[in-house]
Amino acid sequence: MKRFAFTLLELVFVIIVIGILAVLAMPNFSTNPLQQAAEQVAGHIRYTQHLAMMEDKFDPTDPTWYASLWRIRFYESGTPDNYYYTVFSDLDKGSDADYGAGKRELAIDPLTKINMHDASNNHNMDLTGSFGISSVSSTCDNGWIELFFDNLGRPYIDSITTGANPPYSGLLQNDCNITLVHQTDGNATITIAPETGYVSVSYN
């Protein structure tokens, strides 16, 4: 007599095996704060690009429309240095992220549903306090490390607002490398490609 179905015992065994394989395949960030920080920042850069592509900021009636583009900005403050970042769209073009009652410039973290602002609001954005990052540097900008994205997903650097021909003078021309340094775990480099804004992470 032919059998055309699995027994309950066989199904349970297969489910257990799949569960074990899934647990083994999951990346473990809990023991490596540098990797956790780098993957989070890379994900938030991609999310910033997504927001920019979903919400076209171009306005032919506004000569400074580019000042309200979605961006991710890294900050350095205090002694010793503390590094954090935020994701926002500068709607009032005041050159900073406004938050509080009635303010809608900050992105909402899709995982935590919390405003993506500094440590006073969202501890995940505090690279030093939450992950032990001791330095953040970039090859593509001086001063503030800041990346903008337009509706095509193209990345721009901070000179988008200060160049001779804004915003296109700020269009990223070469790979932008943002390096996170951890005192014990080494370095992580987040690379953003020009034109496509493709994001990758490497460790050394």
C-alpha atoms as a PDB file:
ATOM      1  CA  MET A   1       0.000   0.000   0.000  1.00  0.00           C
ATOM      2  CA  LYS A   2       1.388   3.378  -1.048  1.00  0.00           C
ATOM      3  CA  ARG A   3       1.636   6.238   1.456  1.00  0.00           C
ATOM      4  CA  PHE A   4       0.795   9.747   0.199  1.00  0.00           C
ATOM      5  CA  ALA A   5       1.298  11.843   3.362  1.00  0.00           C
ATOM      6  CA  PHE A   6       3.822  12.542   6.106  1.00  0.00           C
ATOM      7  CA  THR A   7       3.207  11.246   9.592  1.00  0.00           C
ATOM      8  CA  LEU A   8       2.865  13.692  12.470  1.00  0.00           C
ATOM      9  CA  LEU A   9       6.216  12.544  13.848  1.00  0.00           C
ATOM     10  CA  GLU A  10       7.954  13.280  10.532  1.00  0.00           C
ATOM     11  CA  LEU A  11       6.416  16.759  10.355  1.00  0.00           C
ATOM     12  CA  VAL A  12       7.492  17.577  13.914  1.00  0.00           C
ATOM     13  CA  PHE A  13      11.019  16.372  13.161  1.00  0.00           C
ATOM     14  CA  VAL A  14      11.261  18.554  10.020  1.00  0.00           C
ATOM     15  CA  ILE A  15       9.974  21.619  11.904  1.00  0.00           C
ATOM     16  CA  ILE A  16      12.577  21.098  14.644  1.00  0.00           C
ATOM     17  CA  VAL A  17      15.391  20.775  12.101  1.00  0.00           C
ATOM     18  CA  ILE A  18      14.270  23.938  10.283  1.00  0.00           C
ATOM     19  CA  GLY A  19      14.117  25.800  13.598  1.00  0.00           C
ATOM     20  CA  ILE A  20      17.653  24.737  14.519  1.00  0.00           C
ATOM     21  CA  LEU A  21      19.000  25.769  11.100  1.00  0.00           C
ATOM     22  CA  ALA A  22      17.239  29.153  11.343  1.00  0.00           C
ATOM     23  CA  VAL A  23      18.796  29.875  14.746  1.00  0.00           C
ATOM     24  CA  LEU A  24      22.256  28.937  13.479  1.00  0.00           C
ATOM     25  CA  ALA A  25      21.858  31.097  10.370  1.00  0.00           C
ATOM     26  CA  MET A  26      20.812  34.233  12.260  1.00  0.00           C
ATOM     27  CA  PRO A  27      23.619  36.798  12.626  1.00  0.00           C
ATOM     28  CA  ASN A  28      24.688  37.320  16.213  1.00  0.00           C
ATOM     29  CA  PHE A  29      25.297  41.014  16.870  1.00  0.00           C
ATOM     30  CA  SER A  30      24.878  40.852  20.632  1.00  0.00           C
ATOM     31  CA  THR A  31      28.539  40.060  21.304  1.00  0.00           C
ATOM     32  CA  ASN A  32      30.003  42.554  18.844  1.00  0.00           C
ATOM     33  CA  PRO A  33      28.934  46.165  19.441  1.00  0.00           C
ATOM     34  CA  LEU A  34      31.002  47.433  16.485  1.00  0.00           C
ATOM     35  CA  GLN A  35      29.166  45.143  14.087  1.00  0.00           C
ATOM     36  CA  GLN A  36      25.844  46.027  15.663  1.00  0.00           C
ATOM     37  CA  ALA A  37      26.548  49.766  15.283  1.00  0.00           C
ATOM     38  CA  ALA A  38      27.803  49.440  11.698  1.00  0.00           C
ATOM     39  CA  GLU A  39      24.839  47.362  10.528  1.00  0.00           C
ATOM     40  CA  GLN A  40      22.435  49.789  12.209  1.00  0.00           C
ATOM     41  CA  VAL A  41      24.039  52.849  10.595  1.00  0.00           C
ATOM     42  CA  ALA A  42      24.101  51.135   7.187  1.00  0.00           C
ATOM     43  CA  GLY A  43      20.427  50.247   7.578  1.00  0.00           C
ATOM     44  CA  HIS A  44      19.550  53.801   8.543  1.00  0.00           C
ATOM     45  CA  ILE A  45      21.423  55.190   5.527  1.00  0.00           C
ATOM     46  CA  ARG A  46      19.349  52.892   3.318  1.00  0.00           C
ATOM     47  CA  TYR A  47      16.218  53.998   5.163  1.00  0.00           C
ATOM     48  CA  THR A  48      17.100  57.663   4.582  1.00  0.00           C
ATOM     49  CA  GLN A  49      17.439  56.926   0.869  1.00  0.00           C
ATOM     50  CA  HIS A  50      14.078  55.143   0.930  1.00  0.00           C
ATOM     51  CA  LEU A  51      12.362  58.136   2.545  1.00  0.00           C
ATOM     52  CA  ALA A  52      13.879  60.474  -0.039  1.00  0.00           C
ATOM     53  CA  MET A  53      12.682  58.330  -2.925  1.00  0.00           C
ATOM     54  CA  MET A  54       9.188  58.025  -1.460  1.00  0.00           C
ATOM     55  CA  GLU A  55       8.864  61.773  -0.828  1.00  0.00           C
ATOM     56  CA  ASP A  56      10.029  63.882  -3.766  1.00  0.00           C
ATOM     57  CA  LYS A  57      11.191  67.229  -2.388  1.00  0.00           C
ATOM     58  CA  PHE A  58      11.692  68.942  -5.751  1.00  0.00           C
ATOM     59  CA  ASP A  59       9.673  72.168  -6.045  1.00  0.00           C
ATOM     60  CA  PRO A  60      10.214  74.290  -9.175  1.00  0.00           C
ATOM     61  CA  THR A  61       8.720  77.316  -7.413  1.00  0.00           C
ATOM     62  CA  ASP A  62      11.269  77.161  -4.577  1.00  0.00           C
ATOM     63  CA  PRO A  63      14.902  78.008  -5.469  1.00  0.00           C
ATOM     64  CA  THR A  64      16.179  76.398  -2.263  1.00  0.00           C
ATOM     65  CA  TRP A  65      14.059  73.231  -2.396  1.00  0.00           C
ATOM     66  CA  TYR A  66      17.168  71.074  -1.920  1.00  0.00           C
ATOM     67  CA  ALA A  67      17.644  72.345   1.651  1.00  0.00           C
ATOM     68  CA  SER A  68      14.736  70.171   2.803  1.00  0.00           C
ATOM     69  CA  LEU A  69      16.023  66.872   1.379  1.00  0.00           C
ATOM     70  CA  TRP A  70      16.069  63.824   3.640  1.00  0.00           C
ATOM     71  CA  ARG A  71      19.485  63.373   5.236  1.00  0.00           C
ATOM     72  CA  ILE A  72      21.489  61.510   7.845  1.00  0.00           C
ATOM     73  CA  ARG A  73      23.829  63.680   9.937  1.00  0.00           C
ATOM     74  CA  PHE A  74      26.526  62.630  12.397  1.00  0.00           C
ATOM     75  CA  TYR A  75      27.412  64.783  15.403  1.00  0.00           C
ATOM     76  CA  GLU A  76      30.396  65.010  17.707  1.00  0.00           C
ATOM     77  CA  SER A  77      30.100  66.661  21.110  1.00  0.00           C
ATOM     78  CA  GLY A  78      31.469  66.757  24.646  1.00  0.00           C
ATOM     79  CA  THR A  79      34.752  65.840  26.275  1.00  0.00           C
ATOM     80  CA  PRO A  80      35.570  63.034  25.800  1.00  0.00           C
ATOM     81  CA  ASP A  81      34.039  62.937  22.331  1.00  0.00           C
ATOM     82  CA  ASN A  82      30.538  61.524  22.033  1.00  0.00           C
ATOM     83  CA  TYR A  83      29.208  60.506  18.614  1.00  0.00           C
ATOM     84  CA  TYR A  84      25.567  60.262  17.613  1.00  0.00           C
ATOM     85  CA  TYR A  85      23.435  60.830  14.533  1.00  0.00           C
ATOM     86  CA  THR A  86      19.961  61.717  13.380  1.00  0.00           C
ATOM     87  CA  VAL A  87      17.762  61.264  10.300  1.00  0.00           C
ATOM     88  CA  PHE A  88      15.577  64.192   9.299  1.00  0.00           C
ATOM     89  CA  SER A  89      14.141  66.428   6.598  1.00  0.00           C
ATOM     90  CA  ASP A  90      14.808  70.109   7.287  1.00  0.00           C
ATOM     91  CA  LEU A  91      11.342  71.405   6.448  1.00  0.00           C
ATOM     92  CA  ASP A  92      11.926  74.917   7.793  1.00  0.00           C
ATOM     93  CA  LYS A  93      15.455  75.035   6.281  1.00  0.00           C
ATOM     94  CA  GLY A  94      16.879  76.028   9.632  1.00  0.00           C
ATOM     95  CA  SER A  95      19.904  73.735   9.132  1.00  0.00           C
ATOM     96  CA  ASP A  96      19.052  71.547  12.130  1.00  0.00           C
ATOM     97  CA  ALA A  97      16.613  68.853  13.188  1.00  0.00           C
ATOM     98  CA  ASP A  98      13.606  70.310  15.001  1.00  0.00           C
ATOM     99  CA  TYR A  99      11.642  68.089  17.337  1.00  0.00           C
ATOM    100  CA  GLY A 100       8.986  68.423  19.975  1.00  0.00           C
ATOM    101  CA  ALA A 101       5.309  69.304  19.902  1.00  0.00           C
ATOM    102  CA  GLY A 102       4.093  70.000  16.386  1.00  0.00           C
ATOM    103  CA  LYS A 103       7.478  69.273  14.775  1.00  0.00           C
ATOM    104  CA  ARG A 104       7.603  66.709  11.976  1.00  0.00           C
ATOM    105  CA  GLU A 105      11.167  66.889  10.677  1.00  0.00           C
ATOM    106  CA  LEU A 106      12.486  63.688  12.258  1.00  0.00           C
ATOM    107  CA  ALA A 107      12.200  60.251  10.733  1.00  0.00           C
ATOM    108  CA  ILE A 108      10.471  57.545  12.758  1.00  0.00           C
ATOM    109  CA  ASP A 109      12.509  54.408  13.355  1.00  0.00           C
ATOM    110  CA  PRO A 110      10.462  51.628  11.701  1.00  0.00           C
ATOM    111  CA  LEU A 111      11.562  49.115  14.368  1.00  0.00           C
ATOM    112  CA  THR A 112      11.187  51.098  17.586  1.00  0.00           C
ATOM    113  CA  LYS A 113       8.610  53.680  16.404  1.00  0.00           C
ATOM    114  CA  ILE A 114      10.733  56.362  18.129  1.00  0.00           C
ATOM    115  CA  ASN A 115      12.008  59.586  16.569  1.00  0.00           C
ATOM    116  CA  MET A 116      15.450  59.056  15.045  1.00  0.00           C
ATOM    117  CA  HIS A 117      17.227  61.730  17.050  1.00  0.00           C
ATOM    118  CA  ASP A 118      20.177  61.910  19.443  1.00  0.00           C
ATOM    119  CA  ALA A 119      20.701  60.118  22.748  1.00  0.00           C
ATOM    120  CA  SER A 120      18.292  62.398  24.621  1.00  0.00           C
ATOM    121  CA  ASN A 121      15.452  60.925  22.596  1.00  0.00           C
ATOM    122  CA  ASN A 122      16.580  57.581  21.194  1.00  0.00           C
ATOM    123  CA  HIS A 123      19.536  55.789  22.803  1.00  0.00           C
ATOM    124  CA  ASN A 124      20.073  53.677  19.669  1.00  0.00           C
ATOM    125  CA  MET A 125      21.319  56.802  17.890  1.00  0.00           C
ATOM    126  CA  ASP A 126      24.049  57.265  20.512  1.00  0.00           C
ATOM    127  CA  LEU A 127      26.999  55.479  18.920  1.00  0.00           C
ATOM    128  CA  THR A 128      29.349  56.125  21.834  1.00  0.00           C
ATOM    129  CA  GLY A 129      27.010  55.485  24.758  1.00  0.00           C
ATOM    130  CA  SER A 130      25.226  52.450  23.296  1.00  0.00           C
ATOM    131  CA  PHE A 131      27.970  50.801  21.228  1.00  0.00           C
ATOM    132  CA  GLY A 132      31.285  52.181  22.503  1.00  0.00           C
ATOM    133  CA  ILE A 133      32.213  53.890  19.220  1.00  0.00           C
ATOM    134  CA  SER A 134      35.190  56.165  19.960  1.00  0.00           C
ATOM    135  CA  SER A 135      35.536  57.856  16.565  1.00  0.00           C
ATOM    136  CA  VAL A 136      33.535  58.516  13.393  1.00  0.00           C
ATOM    137  CA  SER A 137      35.299  59.836  10.295  1.00  0.00           C
ATOM    138  CA  SER A 138      34.524  60.247   6.615  1.00  0.00           C
ATOM    139  CA  THR A 139      36.409  60.484   3.318  1.00  0.00           C
ATOM    140  CA  CYS A 140      33.709  62.468   1.552  1.00  0.00           C
ATOM    141  CA  ASP A 141      33.108  65.550   3.674  1.00  0.00           C
ATOM    142  CA  ASN A 142      34.707  67.940   6.102  1.00  0.00           C
ATOM    143  CA  GLY A 143      33.139  69.138   9.333  1.00  0.00           C
ATOM    144  CA  TRP A 144      29.725  67.566   9.752  1.00  0.00           C
ATOM    145  CA  ILE A 145      29.408  64.161   8.173  1.00  0.00           C
ATOM    146  CA  GLU A 146      26.128  64.448   6.344  1.00  0.00           C
ATOM    147  CA  LEU A 147      24.534  62.578   3.450  1.00  0.00           C
ATOM    148  CA  PHE A 148      21.482  63.779   1.510  1.00  0.00           C
ATOM    149  CA  PHE A 149      19.393  61.802  -0.985  1.00  0.00           C
ATOM    150  CA  ASP A 150      17.142  63.000  -3.795  1.00  0.00           C
ATOM    151  CA  ASN A 151      14.023  61.392  -5.250  1.00  0.00           C
ATOM    152  CA  LEU A 152      16.167  59.172  -7.495  1.00  0.00           C
ATOM    153  CA  GLY A 153      18.110  57.868  -4.518  1.00  0.00           C
ATOM    154  CA  ARG A 154      21.293  59.690  -5.525  1.00  0.00           C
ATOM    155  CA  PRO A 155      23.586  60.651  -2.614  1.00  0.00           C
ATOM    156  CA  TYR A 156      24.891  64.166  -1.994  1.00  0.00           C
ATOM    157  CA  ILE A 157      27.356  65.464   0.579  1.00  0.00           C
ATOM    158  CA  ASP A 158      27.115  68.453   2.916  1.00  0.00           C
ATOM    159  CA  SER A 159      28.302  70.917   0.258  1.00  0.00           C
ATOM    160  CA  ILE A 160      24.837  70.540  -1.277  1.00  0.00           C
ATOM    161  CA  THR A 161      23.951  73.801   0.480  1.00  0.00           C
ATOM    162  CA  THR A 162      27.285  75.626   0.164  1.00  0.00           C
ATOM    163  CA  GLY A 163      28.704  74.732  -3.250  1.00  0.00           C
ATOM    164  CA  ALA A 164      28.928  77.050  -6.237  1.00  0.00           C
ATOM    165  CA  ASN A 165      26.044  75.354  -8.001  1.00  0.00           C
ATOM    166  CA  PRO A 166      23.694  73.884  -5.393  1.00  0.00           C
ATOM    167  CA  PRO A 167      22.523  71.230  -5.143  1.00  0.00           C
ATOM    168  CA  TYR A 168      24.370  69.456  -7.952  1.00  0.00           C
ATOM    169  CA  SER A 169      27.819  70.586  -6.858  1.00  0.00           C
ATOM    170  CA  GLY A 170      27.256  68.331  -3.851  1.00  0.00           C
ATOM    171  CA  LEU A 171      26.433  65.223  -5.879  1.00  0.00           C
ATOM    172  CA  LEU A 172      28.649  62.378  -4.674  1.00  0.00           C
ATOM    173  CA  GLN A 173      31.360  61.686  -7.262  1.00  0.00           C
ATOM    174  CA  ASN A 174      33.397  58.958  -5.544  1.00  0.00           C
ATOM    175  CA  ASP A 175      32.785  56.297  -2.911  1.00  0.00           C
ATOM    176  CA  CYS A 176      32.031  57.830   0.485  1.00  0.00           C
ATOM    177  CA  ASN A 177      33.625  55.846   3.322  1.00  0.00           C
ATOM    178  CA  ILE A 178      32.349  56.403   6.859  1.00  0.00           C
ATOM    179  CA  THR A 179      34.588  54.687   9.405  1.00  0.00           C
ATOM    180  CA  LEU A 180      33.444  53.706  12.890  1.00  0.00           C
ATOM    181  CA  VAL A 181      36.215  52.963  15.397  1.00  0.00           C
ATOM    182  CA  HIS A 182      35.726  50.788  18.467  1.00  0.00           C
ATOM    183  CA  GLN A 183      38.461  50.678  21.099  1.00  0.00           C
ATOM    184  CA  THR A 184      38.593  46.880  21.317  1.00  0.00           C
ATOM    185  CA  ASP A 185      36.746  45.481  18.282  1.00  0.00           C
ATOM    186  CA  GLY A 186      38.579  47.395  15.527  1.00  0.00           C
ATOM    187  CA  ASN A 187      37.105  49.413  12.667  1.00  0.00           C
ATOM    188  CA  ALA A 188      34.055  49.167  10.436  1.00  0.00           C
ATOM    189  CA  THR A 189      33.824  51.039   7.136  1.00  0.00           C
ATOM    190  CA  ILE A 190      30.448  51.869   5.632  1.00  0.00           C
ATOM    191  CA  THR A 191      30.782  52.621   1.910  1.00  0.00           C
ATOM    192  CA  ILE A 192      28.186  54.589  -0.040  1.00  0.00           C
ATOM    193  CA  ALA A 193      28.533  54.389  -3.816  1.00  0.00           C
ATOM    194  CA  PRO A 194      27.980  57.449  -6.024  1.00  0.00           C
ATOM    195  CA  GLU A 195      24.875  57.704  -8.218  1.00  0.00           C
ATOM    196  CA  THR A 196      23.149  54.551  -6.897  1.00  0.00           C
ATOM    197  CA  GLY A 197      23.735  55.152  -3.179  1.00  0.00           C
ATOM    198  CA  TYR A 198      24.474  51.442  -2.719  1.00  0.00           C
ATOM    199  CA  VAL A 199      25.609  50.784   0.881  1.00  0.00           C
ATOM    200  CA  SER A 200      28.084  48.095   1.959  1.00  0.00           C
ATOM    201  CA  VAL A 201      29.974  47.348   5.189  1.00  0.00           C
ATOM    202  CA  SER A 202      33.484  45.981   5.686  1.00  0.00           C
ATOM    203  CA  TYR A 203      35.496  45.254   8.834  1.00  0.00           C
ATOM    204  CA  ASN A 204      39.182  45.385   9.720  1.00  0.00           C
END
